[in-house]
Amino acid sequence: MSVHIIAEIGINHNGDLDIAKRLIRLAAVAGCDSVKFQKRNPDVCVPEHQKNVMRDTPWGTMTYLDYKYKVEFEKEEYDEIDRYCKENNIQWSASPWDLDSLEFLMQYDLPYIKVPSAHLTNRELLKACKATGKKVIMSTGMSTEDEIERAVAIMKWPPAGDFALLHCNSTYPAPIDELNLTCIQTLKEKYDCEVGYSGHEFRLGTSVATVLLGATIIERHITLDRTMWGSDHMSSVEPQGLIKLVRGVRELEQAMGDGVIGVTEGELPVRKKLRGV
């Protein structure tokens, strides 16, 4: 199975459709399989006590609720995202952070629904995602074993749905000594399901290495520039890094082989020269 590489745009577009399209194009050129956004209904997602808190933004000082609406794409933008992804031959999806957003996303032919770590314990949302009939990919950052167990139980409850788990550390950026990558094997063994990795570390090699542990999905946040304004840019991969990441994964896939010991085609002339047989 070829590793599915997700370029997580998230909210790194900063509410600018042109930036979103540049990131889509970057992901397509780098060879990613899909890009992913985040969809919210700010009225639902922003707690009441935070809605009127003032925040300094690149667009001036505004309430936190107004800021969340400022960076939120709606139908006009997603229609263009859908068209542009088709033009660039790359799939797209999004993480719904509420039921309204899930219903909104169902207007489009998405290959999967992504549940963010923040909502792994949102039983209502998990059940609704499963009910769509789409593949559900769930990140497990900041979750206990019991919380993951309950989420998996929802996906496996008859009728069982198609789902995958992404091992994840939800620190932005994630410290290397807290990545605990062998959890990928733990999740595969315990739940007998597809398992991948959602990384927030600075490094690229650690994400590539997850393929050796059995990861078949790799998700990384992407950005045009880590110094851009916004909460996720610092833990994101810049253009050259994304190209290196994808190349590393694809080269490792080629190098893995089938595990059968034998003389390769390329070794035959060397064998004849050095051994005489």
C-alpha atoms as a PDB file:
ATOM      1  CA  MET A   1       0.000   0.000   0.000  1.00  0.00           C
ATOM      2  CA  SER A   2       1.392   3.386  -0.986  1.00  0.00           C
ATOM      3  CA  VAL A   3       1.581   5.881   1.888  1.00  0.00           C
ATOM      4  CA  HIS A   4      -1.116   8.562   1.618  1.00  0.00           C
ATOM      5  CA  ILE A   5       0.527  11.922   2.311  1.00  0.00           C
ATOM      6  CA  ILE A   6      -1.799  14.649   3.590  1.00  0.00           C
ATOM      7  CA  ALA A   7      -0.651  18.261   3.353  1.00  0.00           C
ATOM      8  CA  GLU A   8      -2.502  19.926   6.225  1.00  0.00           C
ATOM      9  CA  ILE A   9      -3.268  23.501   5.190  1.00  0.00           C
ATOM     10  CA  GLY A  10      -5.608  23.872   8.149  1.00  0.00           C
ATOM     11  CA  ILE A  11      -6.007  27.593   8.795  1.00  0.00           C
ATOM     12  CA  ASN A  12      -2.536  28.505   7.498  1.00  0.00           C
ATOM     13  CA  HIS A  13      -4.238  30.291   4.602  1.00  0.00           C
ATOM     14  CA  ASN A  14      -5.095  33.077   7.101  1.00  0.00           C
ATOM     15  CA  GLY A  15      -8.440  33.588   5.383  1.00  0.00           C
ATOM     16  CA  ASP A  16      -6.774  34.373   2.042  1.00  0.00           C
ATOM     17  CA  LEU A  17      -7.946  32.232  -0.886  1.00  0.00           C
ATOM     18  CA  ASP A  18      -4.849  33.089  -2.908  1.00  0.00           C
ATOM     19  CA  ILE A  19      -2.595  31.716  -0.151  1.00  0.00           C
ATOM     20  CA  ALA A  20      -4.777  28.594   0.003  1.00  0.00           C
ATOM     21  CA  LYS A  21      -4.379  28.054  -3.734  1.00  0.00           C
ATOM     22  CA  ARG A  22      -0.616  28.539  -3.544  1.00  0.00           C
ATOM     23  CA  LEU A  23      -0.481  25.880  -0.813  1.00  0.00           C
ATOM     24  CA  ILE A  24      -2.650  23.520  -2.874  1.00  0.00           C
ATOM     25  CA  ARG A  25      -0.339  23.979  -5.847  1.00  0.00           C
ATOM     26  CA  LEU A  26       2.703  23.392  -3.634  1.00  0.00           C
ATOM     27  CA  ALA A  27       1.228  20.135  -2.313  1.00  0.00           C
ATOM     28  CA  ALA A  28       0.382  18.961  -5.820  1.00  0.00           C
ATOM     29  CA  VAL A  29       3.853  19.750  -7.184  1.00  0.00           C
ATOM     30  CA  ALA A  30       5.513  18.064  -4.190  1.00  0.00           C
ATOM     31  CA  GLY A  31       3.526  14.898  -4.878  1.00  0.00           C
ATOM     32  CA  CYS A  32       1.163  14.857  -1.905  1.00  0.00           C
ATOM     33  CA  ASP A  33      -2.031  12.811  -2.234  1.00  0.00           C
ATOM     34  CA  SER A  34      -4.409  15.288  -0.624  1.00  0.00           C
ATOM     35  CA  VAL A  35      -4.656  18.644   1.119  1.00  0.00           C
ATOM     36  CA  LYS A  36      -6.760  19.212   4.205  1.00  0.00           C
ATOM     37  CA  PHE A  37      -8.453  22.255   5.674  1.00  0.00           C
ATOM     38  CA  GLN A  38     -10.328  22.929   8.926  1.00  0.00           C
ATOM     39  CA  LYS A  39     -14.000  23.947   8.951  1.00  0.00           C
ATOM     40  CA  ARG A  40     -15.733  25.611  11.876  1.00  0.00           C
ATOM     41  CA  ASN A  41     -18.933  27.412  12.720  1.00  0.00           C
ATOM     42  CA  PRO A  42     -17.388  30.103  14.946  1.00  0.00           C
ATOM     43  CA  ASP A  43     -20.673  30.738  16.753  1.00  0.00           C
ATOM     44  CA  VAL A  44     -20.644  27.126  17.900  1.00  0.00           C
ATOM     45  CA  CYS A  45     -16.908  26.574  18.380  1.00  0.00           C
ATOM     46  CA  VAL A  46     -15.921  29.766  20.198  1.00  0.00           C
ATOM     47  CA  PRO A  47     -16.863  29.651  23.924  1.00  0.00           C
ATOM     48  CA  GLU A  48     -19.196  32.435  25.023  1.00  0.00           C
ATOM     49  CA  HIS A  49     -16.631  33.895  27.410  1.00  0.00           C
ATOM     50  CA  GLN A  50     -14.128  34.300  24.550  1.00  0.00           C
ATOM     51  CA  LYS A  51     -16.367  35.732  21.849  1.00  0.00           C
ATOM     52  CA  ASN A  52     -15.961  39.361  22.857  1.00  0.00           C
ATOM     53  CA  VAL A  53     -12.331  39.181  23.981  1.00  0.00           C
ATOM     54  CA  MET A  54     -10.315  41.666  21.946  1.00  0.00           C
ATOM     55  CA  ARG A  55      -7.405  40.385  19.867  1.00  0.00           C
ATOM     56  CA  ASP A  56      -4.654  42.084  17.891  1.00  0.00           C
ATOM     57  CA  THR A  57      -4.552  40.709  14.338  1.00  0.00           C
ATOM     58  CA  PRO A  58      -2.925  41.671  11.014  1.00  0.00           C
ATOM     59  CA  TRP A  59      -6.299  43.248  10.140  1.00  0.00           C
ATOM     60  CA  GLY A  60      -6.424  45.371  13.271  1.00  0.00           C
ATOM     61  CA  THR A  61      -7.878  44.862  16.739  1.00  0.00           C
ATOM     62  CA  MET A  62     -11.151  42.908  16.743  1.00  0.00           C
ATOM     63  CA  THR A  63     -13.143  40.517  18.881  1.00  0.00           C
ATOM     64  CA  TYR A  64     -12.020  36.903  18.905  1.00  0.00           C
ATOM     65  CA  LEU A  65     -15.313  35.900  17.261  1.00  0.00           C
ATOM     66  CA  ASP A  66     -14.814  38.411  14.437  1.00  0.00           C
ATOM     67  CA  TYR A  67     -11.261  37.143  13.987  1.00  0.00           C
ATOM     68  CA  LYS A  68     -12.474  33.528  13.666  1.00  0.00           C
ATOM     69  CA  TYR A  69     -14.969  34.597  11.001  1.00  0.00           C
ATOM     70  CA  LYS A  70     -12.212  36.546   9.247  1.00  0.00           C
ATOM     71  CA  VAL A  71     -10.124  33.406   8.679  1.00  0.00           C
ATOM     72  CA  GLU A  72     -13.056  31.077   7.952  1.00  0.00           C
ATOM     73  CA  PHE A  73     -13.812  30.009   4.386  1.00  0.00           C
ATOM     74  CA  GLU A  74     -17.436  29.595   3.281  1.00  0.00           C
ATOM     75  CA  LYS A  75     -19.145  28.134   0.218  1.00  0.00           C
ATOM     76  CA  GLU A  76     -17.720  30.524  -2.365  1.00  0.00           C
ATOM     77  CA  GLU A  77     -14.164  29.775  -1.254  1.00  0.00           C
ATOM     78  CA  TYR A  78     -14.698  26.022  -0.928  1.00  0.00           C
ATOM     79  CA  ASP A  79     -16.290  25.869  -4.373  1.00  0.00           C
ATOM     80  CA  GLU A  80     -13.104  27.408  -5.747  1.00  0.00           C
ATOM     81  CA  ILE A  81     -10.936  25.090  -3.631  1.00  0.00           C
ATOM     82  CA  ASP A  82     -12.861  22.117  -5.007  1.00  0.00           C
ATOM     83  CA  ARG A  83     -12.405  23.351  -8.582  1.00  0.00           C
ATOM     84  CA  TYR A  84      -8.732  24.209  -8.121  1.00  0.00           C
ATOM     85  CA  CYS A  85      -7.883  20.847  -6.545  1.00  0.00           C
ATOM     86  CA  LYS A  86      -9.497  19.040  -9.485  1.00  0.00           C
ATOM     87  CA  GLU A  87      -7.510  21.249 -11.861  1.00  0.00           C
ATOM     88  CA  ASN A  88      -4.301  20.274 -10.046  1.00  0.00           C
ATOM     89  CA  ASN A  89      -5.211  16.598  -9.762  1.00  0.00           C
ATOM     90  CA  ILE A  90      -5.098  16.455  -5.974  1.00  0.00           C
ATOM     91  CA  GLN A  91      -7.788  15.427  -3.493  1.00  0.00           C
ATOM     92  CA  TRP A  92      -8.966  17.622  -0.631  1.00  0.00           C
ATOM     93  CA  SER A  93     -10.828  17.238   2.627  1.00  0.00           C
ATOM     94  CA  ALA A  94     -11.321  19.061   5.913  1.00  0.00           C
ATOM     95  CA  SER A  95     -11.674  18.532   9.638  1.00  0.00           C
ATOM     96  CA  PRO A  96     -15.174  19.489  10.825  1.00  0.00           C
ATOM     97  CA  TRP A  97     -15.081  20.961  14.311  1.00  0.00           C
ATOM     98  CA  ASP A  98     -18.849  20.834  14.753  1.00  0.00           C
ATOM     99  CA  LEU A  99     -21.949  19.196  13.283  1.00  0.00           C
ATOM    100  CA  ASP A 100     -22.831  22.254  11.186  1.00  0.00           C
ATOM    101  CA  SER A 101     -19.437  22.087   9.523  1.00  0.00           C
ATOM    102  CA  LEU A 102     -19.775  18.366   8.854  1.00  0.00           C
ATOM    103  CA  GLU A 103     -23.111  18.963   7.142  1.00  0.00           C
ATOM    104  CA  PHE A 104     -21.521  21.763   5.107  1.00  0.00           C
ATOM    105  CA  LEU A 105     -18.671  19.530   3.945  1.00  0.00           C
ATOM    106  CA  MET A 106     -21.058  16.842   2.752  1.00  0.00           C
ATOM    107  CA  GLN A 107     -21.845  19.074  -0.237  1.00  0.00           C
ATOM    108  CA  TYR A 108     -18.532  17.894  -1.699  1.00  0.00           C
ATOM    109  CA  ASP A 109     -17.222  14.517  -2.804  1.00  0.00           C
ATOM    110  CA  LEU A 110     -14.525  14.110  -0.158  1.00  0.00           C
ATOM    111  CA  PRO A 111     -12.308  11.010   0.066  1.00  0.00           C
ATOM    112  CA  TYR A 112     -12.338  11.008   3.876  1.00  0.00           C
ATOM    113  CA  ILE A 113     -13.389  12.967   6.948  1.00  0.00           C
ATOM    114  CA  LYS A 114     -10.640  13.897   9.402  1.00  0.00           C
ATOM    115  CA  VAL A 115     -11.395  14.118  13.119  1.00  0.00           C
ATOM    116  CA  PRO A 116      -8.859  16.346  14.914  1.00  0.00           C
ATOM    117  CA  SER A 117      -7.335  15.291  18.225  1.00  0.00           C
ATOM    118  CA  ALA A 118      -9.380  17.981  19.962  1.00  0.00           C
ATOM    119  CA  HIS A 119     -12.579  16.116  19.084  1.00  0.00           C
ATOM    120  CA  LEU A 120     -11.575  12.488  19.570  1.00  0.00           C
ATOM    121  CA  THR A 121     -13.835  12.409  22.647  1.00  0.00           C
ATOM    122  CA  ASN A 122     -16.776  14.129  20.889  1.00  0.00           C
ATOM    123  CA  ARG A 123     -19.031  11.084  20.599  1.00  0.00           C
ATOM    124  CA  GLU A 124     -21.800  12.942  18.796  1.00  0.00           C
ATOM    125  CA  LEU A 125     -19.417  14.206  16.121  1.00  0.00           C
ATOM    126  CA  LEU A 126     -17.729  10.793  15.760  1.00  0.00           C
ATOM    127  CA  LYS A 127     -21.080   9.072  15.246  1.00  0.00           C
ATOM    128  CA  ALA A 128     -22.131  11.680  12.688  1.00  0.00           C
ATOM    129  CA  CYS A 129     -18.829  11.299  10.799  1.00  0.00           C
ATOM    130  CA  LYS A 130     -19.272   7.539  10.685  1.00  0.00           C
ATOM    131  CA  ALA A 131     -22.877   7.930   9.486  1.00  0.00           C
ATOM    132  CA  THR A 132     -21.649   9.762   6.359  1.00  0.00           C
ATOM    133  CA  GLY A 133     -20.268   6.495   5.018  1.00  0.00           C
ATOM    134  CA  LYS A 134     -16.943   8.205   4.361  1.00  0.00           C
ATOM    135  CA  LYS A 135     -13.624   6.907   5.633  1.00  0.00           C
ATOM    136  CA  VAL A 136     -12.959   8.504   9.035  1.00  0.00           C
ATOM    137  CA  ILE A 137      -9.371   9.359   9.990  1.00  0.00           C
ATOM    138  CA  MET A 138      -8.915  10.165  13.680  1.00  0.00           C
ATOM    139  CA  SER A 139      -5.886  11.832  15.286  1.00  0.00           C
ATOM    140  CA  THR A 140      -5.041  10.602  18.784  1.00  0.00           C
ATOM    141  CA  GLY A 141      -3.002  13.498  20.198  1.00  0.00           C
ATOM    142  CA  MET A 142      -3.357  14.290  23.941  1.00  0.00           C
ATOM    143  CA  SER A 143      -5.579  11.207  24.368  1.00  0.00           C
ATOM    144  CA  THR A 144      -5.528   8.419  26.921  1.00  0.00           C
ATOM    145  CA  GLU A 145      -5.737   4.770  25.946  1.00  0.00           C
ATOM    146  CA  ASP A 146      -9.320   4.637  27.247  1.00  0.00           C
ATOM    147  CA  GLU A 147     -10.335   7.644  25.137  1.00  0.00           C
ATOM    148  CA  ILE A 148      -8.898   6.049  22.002  1.00  0.00           C
ATOM    149  CA  GLU A 149     -10.622   2.782  22.903  1.00  0.00           C
ATOM    150  CA  ARG A 150     -14.021   4.499  23.103  1.00  0.00           C
ATOM    151  CA  ALA A 151     -13.502   6.284  19.768  1.00  0.00           C
ATOM    152  CA  VAL A 152     -12.542   3.024  18.051  1.00  0.00           C
ATOM    153  CA  ALA A 153     -15.571   1.302  19.583  1.00  0.00           C
ATOM    154  CA  ILE A 154     -17.846   3.826  17.866  1.00  0.00           C
ATOM    155  CA  MET A 155     -16.199   3.109  14.515  1.00  0.00           C
ATOM    156  CA  LYS A 156     -16.387  -0.657  15.005  1.00  0.00           C
ATOM    157  CA  TRP A 157     -19.936  -0.753  16.330  1.00  0.00           C
ATOM    158  CA  PRO A 158     -22.109  -2.616  13.797  1.00  0.00           C
ATOM    159  CA  PRO A 159     -22.119  -1.825  11.048  1.00  0.00           C
ATOM    160  CA  ALA A 160     -18.369  -1.254  11.173  1.00  0.00           C
ATOM    161  CA  GLY A 161     -17.076   1.774   9.278  1.00  0.00           C
ATOM    162  CA  ASP A 162     -13.838   2.373   7.390  1.00  0.00           C
ATOM    163  CA  PHE A 163     -11.484   4.237   9.704  1.00  0.00           C
ATOM    164  CA  ALA A 164      -7.830   4.905  10.484  1.00  0.00           C
ATOM    165  CA  LEU A 165      -5.943   6.209  13.507  1.00  0.00           C
ATOM    166  CA  LEU A 166      -3.107   8.738  13.352  1.00  0.00           C
ATOM    167  CA  HIS A 167      -0.617   8.652  16.200  1.00  0.00           C
ATOM    168  CA  CYS A 168       0.031  12.258  17.188  1.00  0.00           C
ATOM    169  CA  ASN A 169       1.631  14.510  19.774  1.00  0.00           C
ATOM    170  CA  SER A 170      -0.422  17.701  20.058  1.00  0.00           C
ATOM    171  CA  THR A 171       2.388  19.971  21.242  1.00  0.00           C
ATOM    172  CA  TYR A 172       3.159  22.664  18.637  1.00  0.00           C
ATOM    173  CA  PRO A 173       6.001  22.073  17.882  1.00  0.00           C
ATOM    174  CA  ALA A 174       6.347  18.593  19.360  1.00  0.00           C
ATOM    175  CA  PRO A 175       9.598  17.751  21.233  1.00  0.00           C
ATOM    176  CA  ILE A 176      11.530  14.880  19.640  1.00  0.00           C
ATOM    177  CA  ASP A 177      11.777  12.964  22.925  1.00  0.00           C
ATOM    178  CA  GLU A 178       7.980  13.016  23.306  1.00  0.00           C
ATOM    179  CA  LEU A 179       7.041  11.701  19.838  1.00  0.00           C
ATOM    180  CA  ASN A 180       6.849   8.073  21.038  1.00  0.00           C
ATOM    181  CA  LEU A 181       6.669   6.781  17.461  1.00  0.00           C
ATOM    182  CA  THR A 182       6.456   3.119  18.502  1.00  0.00           C
ATOM    183  CA  CYS A 183       2.861   3.877  19.483  1.00  0.00           C
ATOM    184  CA  ILE A 184       2.152   3.383  15.772  1.00  0.00           C
ATOM    185  CA  GLN A 185       2.917  -0.319  16.234  1.00  0.00           C
ATOM    186  CA  THR A 186       0.969  -0.391  19.495  1.00  0.00           C
ATOM    187  CA  LEU A 187      -2.142   1.014  17.808  1.00  0.00           C
ATOM    188  CA  LYS A 188      -1.856  -1.401  14.868  1.00  0.00           C
ATOM    189  CA  GLU A 189      -1.520  -4.412  17.145  1.00  0.00           C
ATOM    190  CA  LYS A 190      -4.283  -3.406  19.532  1.00  0.00           C
ATOM    191  CA  TYR A 191      -6.955  -2.266  17.073  1.00  0.00           C
ATOM    192  CA  ASP A 192      -6.040  -4.196  13.911  1.00  0.00           C
ATOM    193  CA  CYS A 193      -6.721  -1.136  11.755  1.00  0.00           C
ATOM    194  CA  GLU A 194      -4.922   1.232   9.419  1.00  0.00           C
ATOM    195  CA  VAL A 195      -2.564   3.497  11.370  1.00  0.00           C
ATOM    196  CA  GLY A 196      -0.638   6.591  10.342  1.00  0.00           C
ATOM    197  CA  TYR A 197       1.116   9.600  11.810  1.00  0.00           C
ATOM    198  CA  SER A 198       0.264  13.263  12.219  1.00  0.00           C
ATOM    199  CA  GLY A 199       3.469  15.149  12.980  1.00  0.00           C
ATOM    200  CA  HIS A 200       4.067  18.571  14.504  1.00  0.00           C
ATOM    201  CA  GLU A 201       7.821  18.351  15.034  1.00  0.00           C
ATOM    202  CA  PHE A 202      10.432  20.489  13.281  1.00  0.00           C
ATOM    203  CA  ARG A 203      12.250  17.467  11.826  1.00  0.00           C
ATOM    204  CA  LEU A 204      11.401  15.624   8.605  1.00  0.00           C
ATOM    205  CA  GLY A 205      13.308  12.384   9.162  1.00  0.00           C
ATOM    206  CA  THR A 206      11.145  11.330  12.084  1.00  0.00           C
ATOM    207  CA  SER A 207       8.011  11.543   9.942  1.00  0.00           C
ATOM    208  CA  VAL A 208       9.648   9.593   7.098  1.00  0.00           C
ATOM    209  CA  ALA A 209      10.778   6.933   9.585  1.00  0.00           C
ATOM    210  CA  THR A 210       7.177   6.184  10.580  1.00  0.00           C
ATOM    211  CA  VAL A 211       6.835   4.246   7.313  1.00  0.00           C
ATOM    212  CA  LEU A 212       9.199   1.638   8.798  1.00  0.00           C
ATOM    213  CA  LEU A 213       6.852   1.348  11.768  1.00  0.00           C
ATOM    214  CA  GLY A 214       3.885   0.634   9.525  1.00  0.00           C
ATOM    215  CA  ALA A 215       2.381   4.087   8.973  1.00  0.00           C
ATOM    216  CA  THR A 216       0.300   4.205   5.775  1.00  0.00           C
ATOM    217  CA  ILE A 217      -0.892   7.811   6.211  1.00  0.00           C
ATOM    218  CA  ILE A 218       1.387  10.753   7.005  1.00  0.00           C
ATOM    219  CA  GLU A 219      -0.024  14.199   7.737  1.00  0.00           C
ATOM    220  CA  ARG A 220       2.051  17.344   8.153  1.00  0.00           C
ATOM    221  CA  HIS A 221       1.026  21.002   8.369  1.00  0.00           C
ATOM    222  CA  ILE A 222       2.378  23.091   5.502  1.00  0.00           C
ATOM    223  CA  THR A 223       3.062  26.797   5.153  1.00  0.00           C
ATOM    224  CA  LEU A 224       4.628  29.208   2.689  1.00  0.00           C
ATOM    225  CA  ASP A 225       6.771  30.680   5.473  1.00  0.00           C
ATOM    226  CA  ARG A 226       7.098  29.697   9.146  1.00  0.00           C
ATOM    227  CA  THR A 227       7.369  33.360  10.132  1.00  0.00           C
ATOM    228  CA  MET A 228       3.849  34.156   8.883  1.00  0.00           C
ATOM    229  CA  TRP A 229       1.276  35.325  11.411  1.00  0.00           C
ATOM    230  CA  GLY A 230      -0.804  32.545  12.932  1.00  0.00           C
ATOM    231  CA  SER A 231      -0.738  29.794  15.550  1.00  0.00           C
ATOM    232  CA  ASP A 232       0.257  26.809  13.366  1.00  0.00           C
ATOM    233  CA  HIS A 233       2.939  28.194  11.056  1.00  0.00           C
ATOM    234  CA  MET A 234       5.932  27.530  13.336  1.00  0.00           C
ATOM    235  CA  SER A 235       5.189  23.785  13.468  1.00  0.00           C
ATOM    236  CA  SER A 236       4.556  23.562   9.726  1.00  0.00           C
ATOM    237  CA  VAL A 237       6.730  22.421   6.824  1.00  0.00           C
ATOM    238  CA  GLU A 238       7.916  25.013   4.292  1.00  0.00           C
ATOM    239  CA  PRO A 239       7.999  24.334   0.519  1.00  0.00           C
ATOM    240  CA  GLN A 240      11.497  22.846   0.246  1.00  0.00           C
ATOM    241  CA  GLY A 241      10.877  20.754   3.341  1.00  0.00           C
ATOM    242  CA  LEU A 242       7.656  19.362   1.925  1.00  0.00           C
ATOM    243  CA  ILE A 243       9.380  18.340  -1.300  1.00  0.00           C
ATOM    244  CA  LYS A 244      12.106  16.593   0.731  1.00  0.00           C
ATOM    245  CA  LEU A 245       9.516  14.888   2.951  1.00  0.00           C
ATOM    246  CA  VAL A 246       7.550  13.438   0.054  1.00  0.00           C
ATOM    247  CA  ARG A 247      10.720  12.371  -1.756  1.00  0.00           C
ATOM    248  CA  GLY A 248      11.975  10.682   1.409  1.00  0.00           C
ATOM    249  CA  VAL A 249       8.756   8.720   1.867  1.00  0.00           C
ATOM    250  CA  ARG A 250       8.623   7.620  -1.773  1.00  0.00           C
ATOM    251  CA  GLU A 251      12.288   6.567  -1.782  1.00  0.00           C
ATOM    252  CA  LEU A 252      11.779   4.577   1.418  1.00  0.00           C
ATOM    253  CA  GLU A 253       8.763   2.853  -0.119  1.00  0.00           C
ATOM    254  CA  GLN A 254      10.926   1.805  -3.069  1.00  0.00           C
ATOM    255  CA  ALA A 255      13.727   0.638  -0.793  1.00  0.00           C
ATOM    256  CA  MET A 256      11.526  -1.495   1.477  1.00  0.00           C
ATOM    257  CA  GLY A 257      11.249  -4.463  -0.901  1.00  0.00           C
ATOM    258  CA  ASP A 258       9.454  -7.718  -0.084  1.00  0.00           C
ATOM    259  CA  GLY A 259      11.807  -9.135   2.536  1.00  0.00           C
ATOM    260  CA  VAL A 260      12.681 -12.200   0.461  1.00  0.00           C
ATOM    261  CA  ILE A 261      16.412 -12.955   0.547  1.00  0.00           C
ATOM    262  CA  GLY A 262      18.023 -13.581  -2.811  1.00  0.00           C
ATOM    263  CA  VAL A 263      20.395 -12.302  -5.478  1.00  0.00           C
ATOM    264  CA  THR A 264      19.037  -9.209  -7.196  1.00  0.00           C
ATOM    265  CA  GLU A 265      19.125  -8.614 -10.940  1.00  0.00           C
ATOM    266  CA  GLY A 266      21.714  -5.884 -10.467  1.00  0.00           C
ATOM    267  CA  GLU A 267      23.966  -8.183  -8.434  1.00  0.00           C
ATOM    268  CA  LEU A 268      24.169 -10.935 -11.075  1.00  0.00           C
ATOM    269  CA  PRO A 269      27.043  -9.425 -13.132  1.00  0.00           C
ATOM    270  CA  VAL A 270      28.903  -8.448  -9.961  1.00  0.00           C
ATOM    271  CA  ARG A 271      28.463 -11.967  -8.594  1.00  0.00           C
ATOM    272  CA  LYS A 272      29.795 -13.468 -11.836  1.00  0.00           C
ATOM    273  CA  LYS A 273      32.803 -11.146 -11.822  1.00  0.00           C
ATOM    274  CA  LEU A 274      33.747 -11.600  -8.173  1.00  0.00           C
ATOM    275  CA  ARG A 275      32.799 -15.255  -7.671  1.00  0.00           C
ATOM    276  CA  GLY A 276      33.157 -16.593 -11.136  1.00  0.00           C
ATOM    277  CA  VAL A 277      29.697 -18.198 -11.026  1.00  0.00           C
END
